[in-house]
PDB file of N, CA and C in Angstrom:
ATOM      1  N   MET A   1       1.252  26.160  10.144  1.00  0.00           N
ATOM      2  CA  MET A   1       0.241  25.308  10.480  1.00  0.00           C
ATOM      3  C   MET A   1       0.711  23.953   9.707  1.00  0.00           C
ATOM      4  N   ARG A   2       0.402  22.890  10.350  1.00  0.00           N
ATOM      5  CA  ARG A   2       0.791  21.493   9.709  1.00  0.00           C
ATOM      6  C   ARG A   2      -0.592  20.884   9.557  1.00  0.00           C
ATOM      7  N   LYS A   3      -0.703  20.335   8.401  1.00  0.00           N
ATOM      8  CA  LYS A   3      -1.972  19.619   8.042  1.00  0.00           C
ATOM      9  C   LYS A   3      -1.742  18.289   7.508  1.00  0.00           C
ATOM     10  N   GLU A   4      -2.311  17.121   8.003  1.00  0.00           N
ATOM     11  CA  GLU A   4      -2.210  15.797   7.636  1.00  0.00           C
ATOM     12  C   GLU A   4      -3.441  15.206   7.100  1.00  0.00           C
ATOM     13  N   ILE A   5      -3.492  14.195   6.197  1.00  0.00           N
ATOM     14  CA  ILE A   5      -4.688  13.445   5.865  1.00  0.00           C
ATOM     15  C   ILE A   5      -4.135  12.127   6.076  1.00  0.00           C
ATOM     16  N   GLU A   6      -4.957  11.360   6.782  1.00  0.00           N
ATOM     17  CA  GLU A   6      -4.795   9.943   6.951  1.00  0.00           C
ATOM     18  C   GLU A   6      -5.548   9.129   5.625  1.00  0.00           C
ATOM     19  N   ILE A   7      -4.717   8.263   5.188  1.00  0.00           N
ATOM     20  CA  ILE A   7      -5.274   7.487   4.030  1.00  0.00           C
ATOM     21  C   ILE A   7      -5.555   5.888   4.896  1.00  0.00           C
ATOM     22  N   ASN A   8      -6.830   5.468   4.326  1.00  0.00           N
ATOM     23  CA  ASN A   8      -6.875   4.106   4.923  1.00  0.00           C
ATOM     24  C   ASN A   8      -7.866   3.544   3.678  1.00  0.00           C
ATOM     25  N   GLY A   9      -7.164   2.707   2.724  1.00  0.00           N
ATOM     26  CA  GLY A   9      -7.993   2.199   1.693  1.00  0.00           C
ATOM     27  C   GLY A   9      -7.186   1.300   0.981  1.00  0.00           C
ATOM     28  N   CYS A  10      -7.634   0.867  -0.278  1.00  0.00           N
ATOM     29  CA  CYS A  10      -6.817   0.019  -1.140  1.00  0.00           C
ATOM     30  C   CYS A  10      -6.851   0.475  -2.659  1.00  0.00           C
ATOM     31  N   VAL A  11      -5.731   0.196  -3.215  1.00  0.00           N
ATOM     32  CA  VAL A  11      -5.679   0.650  -4.629  1.00  0.00           C
ATOM     33  C   VAL A  11      -5.670  -0.657  -5.488  1.00  0.00           C
ATOM     34  N   GLU A  12      -6.573  -0.962  -6.323  1.00  0.00           N
ATOM     35  CA  GLU A  12      -6.462  -1.998  -7.279  1.00  0.00           C
ATOM     36  C   GLU A  12      -5.449  -1.829  -8.378  1.00  0.00           C
ATOM     37  N   VAL A  13      -4.469  -2.628  -8.528  1.00  0.00           N
ATOM     38  CA  VAL A  13      -3.432  -2.543  -9.589  1.00  0.00           C
ATOM     39  C   VAL A  13      -3.494  -3.866 -10.426  1.00  0.00           C
ATOM     40  N   PRO A  14      -2.704  -3.646 -11.571  1.00  0.00           N
ATOM     41  CA  PRO A  14      -2.501  -4.989 -12.470  1.00  0.00           C
ATOM     42  C   PRO A  14      -1.833  -6.007 -11.802  1.00  0.00           C
ATOM     43  N   ALA A  15      -2.210  -7.353 -11.827  1.00  0.00           N
ATOM     44  CA  ALA A  15      -1.661  -8.475 -11.209  1.00  0.00           C
ATOM     45  C   ALA A  15      -0.137  -8.452 -11.386  1.00  0.00           C
ATOM     46  N   GLU A  16       0.447  -8.011 -12.616  1.00  0.00           N
ATOM     47  CA  GLU A  16       1.828  -8.025 -12.778  1.00  0.00           C
ATOM     48  C   GLU A  16       2.601  -6.979 -12.115  1.00  0.00           C
ATOM     49  N   MET A  17       2.005  -6.038 -11.464  1.00  0.00           N
ATOM     50  CA  MET A  17       2.693  -5.034 -10.799  1.00  0.00           C
ATOM     51  C   MET A  17       3.110  -5.331  -9.446  1.00  0.00           C
ATOM     52  N   THR A  18       4.517  -5.221  -9.320  1.00  0.00           N
ATOM     53  CA  THR A  18       4.930  -5.487  -7.992  1.00  0.00           C
ATOM     54  C   THR A  18       4.507  -4.568  -6.843  1.00  0.00           C
ATOM     55  N   MET A  19       4.938  -5.022  -5.680  1.00  0.00           N
ATOM     56  CA  MET A  19       4.825  -3.989  -4.582  1.00  0.00           C
ATOM     57  C   MET A  19       5.662  -2.877  -4.664  1.00  0.00           C
ATOM     58  N   ASP A  20       6.990  -3.072  -4.917  1.00  0.00           N
ATOM     59  CA  ASP A  20       7.995  -2.127  -5.123  1.00  0.00           C
ATOM     60  C   ASP A  20       7.726  -1.144  -6.241  1.00  0.00           C
ATOM     61  N   GLU A  21       7.155  -1.673  -7.453  1.00  0.00           N
ATOM     62  CA  GLU A  21       6.750  -0.739  -8.471  1.00  0.00           C
ATOM     63  C   GLU A  21       5.768   0.173  -8.026  1.00  0.00           C
ATOM     64  N   PHE A  22       4.697  -0.381  -7.276  1.00  0.00           N
ATOM     65  CA  PHE A  22       3.537   0.380  -6.684  1.00  0.00           C
ATOM     66  C   PHE A  22       4.039   1.574  -5.734  1.00  0.00           C
ATOM     67  N   CYS A  23       4.747   1.160  -4.971  1.00  0.00           N
ATOM     68  CA  CYS A  23       5.387   2.111  -3.953  1.00  0.00           C
ATOM     69  C   CYS A  23       6.028   3.223  -4.543  1.00  0.00           C
ATOM     70  N   ALA A  24       7.076   2.933  -5.547  1.00  0.00           N
ATOM     71  CA  ALA A  24       7.804   3.898  -6.246  1.00  0.00           C
ATOM     72  C   ALA A  24       6.871   4.811  -6.836  1.00  0.00           C
ATOM     73  N   ALA A  25       5.900   4.409  -7.528  1.00  0.00           N
ATOM     74  CA  ALA A  25       4.926   5.412  -8.318  1.00  0.00           C
ATOM     75  C   ALA A  25       4.173   6.171  -7.430  1.00  0.00           C
ATOM     76  N   PHE A  26       3.736   5.587  -6.121  1.00  0.00           N
ATOM     77  CA  PHE A  26       2.845   6.432  -5.270  1.00  0.00           C
ATOM     78  C   PHE A  26       4.035   7.435  -4.694  1.00  0.00           C
ATOM     79  N   ILE A  27       5.032   7.230  -4.306  1.00  0.00           N
ATOM     80  CA  ILE A  27       6.062   8.105  -3.643  1.00  0.00           C
ATOM     81  C   ILE A  27       6.257   9.120  -4.764  1.00  0.00           C
ATOM     82  N   GLU A  28       6.596   8.753  -5.824  1.00  0.00           N
ATOM     83  CA  GLU A  28       6.927   9.689  -7.009  1.00  0.00           C
ATOM     84  C   GLU A  28       5.784  10.692  -7.201  1.00  0.00           C
ATOM     85  N   PHE A  29       4.413  10.302  -7.158  1.00  0.00           N
ATOM     86  CA  PHE A  29       3.345  11.217  -7.208  1.00  0.00           C
ATOM     87  C   PHE A  29       3.327  12.138  -6.023  1.00  0.00           C
ATOM     88  N   VAL A  30       3.514  11.620  -4.896  1.00  0.00           N
ATOM     89  CA  VAL A  30       3.410  12.361  -3.816  1.00  0.00           C
ATOM     90  C   VAL A  30       4.419  13.577  -3.769  1.00  0.00           C
ATOM     91  N   GLU A  31       5.736  13.001  -3.979  1.00  0.00           N
ATOM     92  CA  GLU A  31       6.846  14.038  -3.940  1.00  0.00           C
ATOM     93  C   GLU A  31       6.750  15.022  -5.175  1.00  0.00           C
ATOM     94  N   ALA A  32       6.132  14.625  -6.323  1.00  0.00           N
ATOM     95  CA  ALA A  32       6.052  15.561  -7.378  1.00  0.00           C
ATOM     96  C   ALA A  32       5.019  16.716  -7.058  1.00  0.00           C
ATOM     97  N   LYS A  33       4.138  16.406  -6.047  1.00  0.00           N
ATOM     98  CA  LYS A  33       3.278  17.532  -5.579  1.00  0.00           C
ATOM     99  C   LYS A  33       4.044  18.326  -4.380  1.00  0.00           C
ATOM    100  N   GLY A  34       5.263  18.027  -4.027  1.00  0.00           N
ATOM    101  CA  GLY A  34       5.803  18.663  -2.937  1.00  0.00           C
ATOM    102  C   GLY A  34       5.346  18.108  -1.659  1.00  0.00           C
ATOM    103  N   TRP A  35       4.716  17.178  -1.436  1.00  0.00           N
ATOM    104  CA  TRP A  35       4.147  16.467  -0.389  1.00  0.00           C
ATOM    105  C   TRP A  35       5.152  15.451   0.324  1.00  0.00           C
ATOM    106  N   TYR A  36       4.674  15.044   1.579  1.00  0.00           N
ATOM    107  CA  TYR A  36       5.508  13.900   2.093  1.00  0.00           C
ATOM    108  C   TYR A  36       4.580  12.800   2.568  1.00  0.00           C
ATOM    109  N   PHE A  37       5.138  11.485   2.587  1.00  0.00           N
ATOM    110  CA  PHE A  37       4.309  10.349   2.940  1.00  0.00           C
ATOM    111  C   PHE A  37       4.882   9.810   4.229  1.00  0.00           C
ATOM    112  N   GLY A  38       4.238   9.456   5.225  1.00  0.00           N
ATOM    113  CA  GLY A  38       4.721   8.718   6.251  1.00  0.00           C
ATOM    114  C   GLY A  38       3.681   7.699   6.504  1.00  0.00           C
ATOM    115  N   GLY A  39       4.198   6.368   6.517  1.00  0.00           N
ATOM    116  CA  GLY A  39       3.395   5.235   6.808  1.00  0.00           C
ATOM    117  C   GLY A  39       3.834   3.987   6.255  1.00  0.00           C
ATOM    118  N   GLY A  40       3.006   3.033   5.743  1.00  0.00           N
ATOM    119  CA  GLY A  40       3.320   1.895   5.232  1.00  0.00           C
ATOM    120  C   GLY A  40       2.370   1.386   4.277  1.00  0.00           C
ATOM    121  N   PHE A  41       2.838   0.249   3.715  1.00  0.00           N
ATOM    122  CA  PHE A  41       2.082  -0.598   2.599  1.00  0.00           C
ATOM    123  C   PHE A  41       1.899  -2.055   2.950  1.00  0.00           C
ATOM    124  N   ARG A  42       0.720  -2.644   2.704  1.00  0.00           N
ATOM    125  CA  ARG A  42       0.601  -4.127   2.853  1.00  0.00           C
ATOM    126  C   ARG A  42      -0.034  -4.548   1.549  1.00  0.00           C
ATOM    127  N   GLU A  43       0.539  -5.498   1.119  1.00  0.00           N
ATOM    128  CA  GLU A  43       0.051  -6.199  -0.150  1.00  0.00           C
ATOM    129  C   GLU A  43      -1.088  -7.083   0.145  1.00  0.00           C
ATOM    130  N   ILE A  44      -2.187  -7.139  -0.675  1.00  0.00           N
ATOM    131  CA  ILE A  44      -3.276  -8.015  -0.523  1.00  0.00           C
ATOM    132  C   ILE A  44      -3.417  -8.738  -1.974  1.00  0.00           C
ATOM    133  N   VAL A  45      -3.567 -10.144  -1.831  1.00  0.00           N
ATOM    134  CA  VAL A  45      -3.836 -11.008  -2.986  1.00  0.00           C
ATOM    135  C   VAL A  45      -4.961 -11.822  -2.682  1.00  0.00           C
ATOM    136  N   ASP A  46      -6.009 -11.770  -3.526  1.00  0.00           N
ATOM    137  CA  ASP A  46      -7.146 -12.778  -3.358  1.00  0.00           C
ATOM    138  C   ASP A  46      -7.677 -12.619  -2.058  1.00  0.00           C
ATOM    139  N   GLY A  47      -7.707 -11.485  -1.252  1.00  0.00           N
ATOM    140  CA  GLY A  47      -8.347 -11.087  -0.017  1.00  0.00           C
ATOM    141  C   GLY A  47      -7.308 -11.540   1.130  1.00  0.00           C
ATOM    142  N   TYR A  48      -6.144 -11.841   0.886  1.00  0.00           N
ATOM    143  CA  TYR A  48      -5.182 -12.282   1.982  1.00  0.00           C
ATOM    144  C   TYR A  48      -4.056 -11.233   1.909  1.00  0.00           C
ATOM    145  N   TYR A  49      -3.537 -10.860   3.154  1.00  0.00           N
ATOM    146  CA  TYR A  49      -2.439 -10.113   3.421  1.00  0.00           C
ATOM    147  C   TYR A  49      -1.261 -10.998   2.886  1.00  0.00           C
ATOM    148  N   VAL A  50      -0.200 -10.407   2.344  1.00  0.00           N
ATOM    149  CA  VAL A  50       0.995 -11.176   1.944  1.00  0.00           C
ATOM    150  C   VAL A  50       2.165 -10.694   2.483  1.00  0.00           C
ATOM    151  N   ASN A  51       2.992 -11.536   3.082  1.00  0.00           N
ATOM    152  CA  ASN A  51       4.243 -11.255   3.654  1.00  0.00           C
ATOM    153  C   ASN A  51       5.300 -10.788   2.539  1.00  0.00           C
ATOM    154  N   ARG A  52       6.343 -10.058   2.830  1.00  0.00           N
ATOM    155  CA  ARG A  52       7.272  -9.683   1.881  1.00  0.00           C
ATOM    156  C   ARG A  52       8.025 -10.865   1.283  1.00  0.00           C
ATOM    157  N   ASP A  53       7.943 -12.063   1.861  1.00  0.00           N
ATOM    158  CA  ASP A  53       8.447 -13.288   1.293  1.00  0.00           C
ATOM    159  C   ASP A  53       7.517 -14.045   0.465  1.00  0.00           C
ATOM    160  N   GLY A  54       6.451 -13.575   0.349  1.00  0.00           N
ATOM    161  CA  GLY A  54       5.388 -14.104  -0.564  1.00  0.00           C
ATOM    162  C   GLY A  54       4.347 -14.987   0.077  1.00  0.00           C
ATOM    163  N   LYS A  55       4.395 -15.030   1.353  1.00  0.00           N
ATOM    164  CA  LYS A  55       3.570 -16.153   1.924  1.00  0.00           C
ATOM    165  C   LYS A  55       2.209 -15.458   2.392  1.00  0.00           C
ATOM    166  N   LYS A  56       1.183 -16.088   2.268  1.00  0.00           N
ATOM    167  CA  LYS A  56      -0.025 -15.362   2.697  1.00  0.00           C
ATOM    168  C   LYS A  56      -0.235 -15.480   4.237  1.00  0.00           C
ATOM    169  N   GLU A  57      -0.825 -14.366   4.743  1.00  0.00           N
ATOM    170  CA  GLU A  57      -1.209 -14.210   6.098  1.00  0.00           C
ATOM    171  C   GLU A  57      -2.696 -14.488   6.218  1.00  0.00           C
ATOM    172  N   LYS A  58      -3.455 -13.727   7.224  1.00  0.00           N
ATOM    173  CA  LYS A  58      -4.717 -13.831   7.460  1.00  0.00           C
ATOM    174  C   LYS A  58      -5.499 -13.231   6.177  1.00  0.00           C
ATOM    175  N   HIS A  59      -6.719 -13.497   6.307  1.00  0.00           N
ATOM    176  CA  HIS A  59      -7.723 -12.850   5.269  1.00  0.00           C
ATOM    177  C   HIS A  59      -8.143 -11.440   5.938  1.00  0.00           C
ATOM    178  N   VAL A  60      -8.357 -10.480   4.962  1.00  0.00           N
ATOM    179  CA  VAL A  60      -8.644  -9.145   5.411  1.00  0.00           C
ATOM    180  C   VAL A  60     -10.001  -8.964   6.077  1.00  0.00           C
ATOM    181  N   ALA A  61     -10.768 -10.009   6.068  1.00  0.00           N
ATOM    182  CA  ALA A  61     -11.976  -9.882   6.865  1.00  0.00           C
ATOM    183  C   ALA A  61     -11.870 -10.427   8.287  1.00  0.00           C
ATOM    184  N   ASP A  62     -10.743 -11.285   8.447  1.00  0.00           N
ATOM    185  CA  ASP A  62     -10.639 -11.794   9.682  1.00  0.00           C
ATOM    186  C   ASP A  62     -10.152 -10.922  10.836  1.00  0.00           C
ATOM    187  N   GLU A  63     -11.014 -10.981  11.979  1.00  0.00           N
ATOM    188  CA  GLU A  63     -10.970 -10.029  13.000  1.00  0.00           C
ATOM    189  C   GLU A  63      -9.798 -10.373  13.712  1.00  0.00           C
ATOM    190  N   GLU A  64      -9.049  -9.416  14.452  1.00  0.00           N
ATOM    191  CA  GLU A  64      -7.839  -9.656  15.341  1.00  0.00           C
ATOM    192  C   GLU A  64      -8.391 -10.088  16.783  1.00  0.00           C
TER     193      GLU A  64
END
């Protein structure tokens, strides 16, 4: 039997932590448990999604 849990939420981290550092720590935690993660990550700064190039996108409260 295969069981999965979908995660939908945010983790508040120190401002100096990079997205790469967070992803590495998260994946390390998951793999240390013998689990697997499939999905993605999105960075949010001051309520705005941020592209990988550092440019702000839409606000998280904006509807699509």
